[in-house]
Amino acid sequence: MKNCLRDLRKGRGLRQAELADALEISRQTIIAIEADKYDPSLPMAYRFAAFFDLPVEAIFFNPWRD
């Protein structure tokens, strides 16, 4: 699933480890999501959305939509 997580994280001046700590997930998970190699669970996607104060759809893009 495509996402803009890297841009959002960098826009806040956060390192991957800082974001991982804030969301209580591993840095490796952040790396994998940013590289589009791992799709987060729905609860995890909502944690990202809450952290960045954005709707889930603004961070993660549905590949099945036009």
C-alpha atoms as a PDB file:
ATOM      1  CA  MET A   1       0.000   0.000   0.000  1.00  0.00           C
ATOM      2  CA  LYS A   2       1.438   3.360  -0.985  1.00  0.00           C
ATOM      3  CA  ASN A   3       1.817   5.961   1.722  1.00  0.00           C
ATOM      4  CA  CYS A   4       3.321   9.354   2.489  1.00  0.00           C
ATOM      5  CA  LEU A   5       4.629   8.383   5.918  1.00  0.00           C
ATOM      6  CA  ARG A   6       8.254   9.290   5.185  1.00  0.00           C
ATOM      7  CA  ASP A   7       7.296  12.807   4.080  1.00  0.00           C
ATOM      8  CA  LEU A   8       5.068  13.319   7.116  1.00  0.00           C
ATOM      9  CA  ARG A   9       7.746  12.059   9.488  1.00  0.00           C
ATOM     10  CA  LYS A  10      10.459  14.226   7.947  1.00  0.00           C
ATOM     11  CA  GLY A  11       8.096  17.198   7.895  1.00  0.00           C
ATOM     12  CA  ARG A  12       7.890  16.927  11.669  1.00  0.00           C
ATOM     13  CA  GLY A  13      11.658  16.535  11.972  1.00  0.00           C
ATOM     14  CA  LEU A  14      11.356  13.047  13.434  1.00  0.00           C
ATOM     15  CA  ARG A  15      13.762  10.160  13.089  1.00  0.00           C
ATOM     16  CA  GLN A  16      12.322   6.715  12.429  1.00  0.00           C
ATOM     17  CA  ALA A  17      13.180   5.642  15.977  1.00  0.00           C
ATOM     18  CA  GLU A  18      11.374   8.648  17.463  1.00  0.00           C
ATOM     19  CA  LEU A  19       8.199   7.915  15.519  1.00  0.00           C
ATOM     20  CA  ALA A  20       8.423   4.240  16.426  1.00  0.00           C
ATOM     21  CA  ASP A  21       8.771   5.105  20.115  1.00  0.00           C
ATOM     22  CA  ALA A  22       5.814   7.507  19.961  1.00  0.00           C
ATOM     23  CA  LEU A  23       3.611   4.823  18.390  1.00  0.00           C
ATOM     24  CA  GLU A  24       5.024   1.954  20.463  1.00  0.00           C
ATOM     25  CA  ILE A  25       6.105  -0.065  17.438  1.00  0.00           C
ATOM     26  CA  SER A  26       9.538  -1.099  16.194  1.00  0.00           C
ATOM     27  CA  ARG A  27      11.801   1.019  14.031  1.00  0.00           C
ATOM     28  CA  GLN A  28      11.927  -1.914  11.611  1.00  0.00           C
ATOM     29  CA  THR A  29       8.154  -1.615  11.175  1.00  0.00           C
ATOM     30  CA  ILE A  30       8.510   2.072  10.293  1.00  0.00           C
ATOM     31  CA  ILE A  31      11.252   1.210   7.794  1.00  0.00           C
ATOM     32  CA  ALA A  32       9.131  -1.510   6.166  1.00  0.00           C
ATOM     33  CA  ILE A  33       5.999   0.667   5.933  1.00  0.00           C
ATOM     34  CA  GLU A  34       7.926   3.588   4.446  1.00  0.00           C
ATOM     35  CA  ALA A  35       9.441   1.228   1.865  1.00  0.00           C
ATOM     36  CA  ASP A  36       5.972  -0.139   0.956  1.00  0.00           C
ATOM     37  CA  LYS A  37       7.093  -3.608   2.067  1.00  0.00           C
ATOM     38  CA  TYR A  38       4.604  -3.915   4.915  1.00  0.00           C
ATOM     39  CA  ASP A  39       0.957  -2.903   5.157  1.00  0.00           C
ATOM     40  CA  PRO A  40      -0.032  -1.801   8.641  1.00  0.00           C
ATOM     41  CA  SER A  41      -3.026  -3.285  10.394  1.00  0.00           C
ATOM     42  CA  LEU A  42      -6.095  -1.089  10.590  1.00  0.00           C
ATOM     43  CA  PRO A  43      -5.516  -0.275  14.290  1.00  0.00           C
ATOM     44  CA  MET A  44      -1.908   0.679  13.499  1.00  0.00           C
ATOM     45  CA  ALA A  45      -3.024   2.855  10.578  1.00  0.00           C
ATOM     46  CA  TYR A  46      -5.405   4.665  12.935  1.00  0.00           C
ATOM     47  CA  ARG A  47      -2.546   5.275  15.378  1.00  0.00           C
ATOM     48  CA  PHE A  48      -0.564   6.920  12.567  1.00  0.00           C
ATOM     49  CA  ALA A  49      -3.602   9.000  11.650  1.00  0.00           C
ATOM     50  CA  ALA A  50      -4.108  10.128  15.248  1.00  0.00           C
ATOM     51  CA  PHE A  51      -0.433  10.961  15.669  1.00  0.00           C
ATOM     52  CA  PHE A  52      -0.347  13.122  12.533  1.00  0.00           C
ATOM     53  CA  ASP A  53      -3.909  14.416  13.096  1.00  0.00           C
ATOM     54  CA  LEU A  54      -4.931  13.335   9.601  1.00  0.00           C
ATOM     55  CA  PRO A  55      -7.497  10.899   8.217  1.00  0.00           C
ATOM     56  CA  VAL A  56      -6.125   7.454   7.416  1.00  0.00           C
ATOM     57  CA  GLU A  57      -6.819   8.088   3.718  1.00  0.00           C
ATOM     58  CA  ALA A  58      -4.461  11.074   3.759  1.00  0.00           C
ATOM     59  CA  ILE A  59      -1.557   8.829   4.791  1.00  0.00           C
ATOM     60  CA  PHE A  60      -2.305   5.475   3.169  1.00  0.00           C
ATOM     61  CA  PHE A  61      -3.551   5.297  -0.410  1.00  0.00           C
ATOM     62  CA  ASN A  62      -5.963   2.654  -1.647  1.00  0.00           C
ATOM     63  CA  PRO A  63      -4.291   0.927  -4.631  1.00  0.00           C
ATOM     64  CA  TRP A  64      -7.693  -0.247  -5.903  1.00  0.00           C
ATOM     65  CA  ARG A  65      -9.097   3.243  -6.366  1.00  0.00           C
ATOM     66  CA  ASP A  66      -8.743   5.286  -9.500  1.00  0.00           C
END
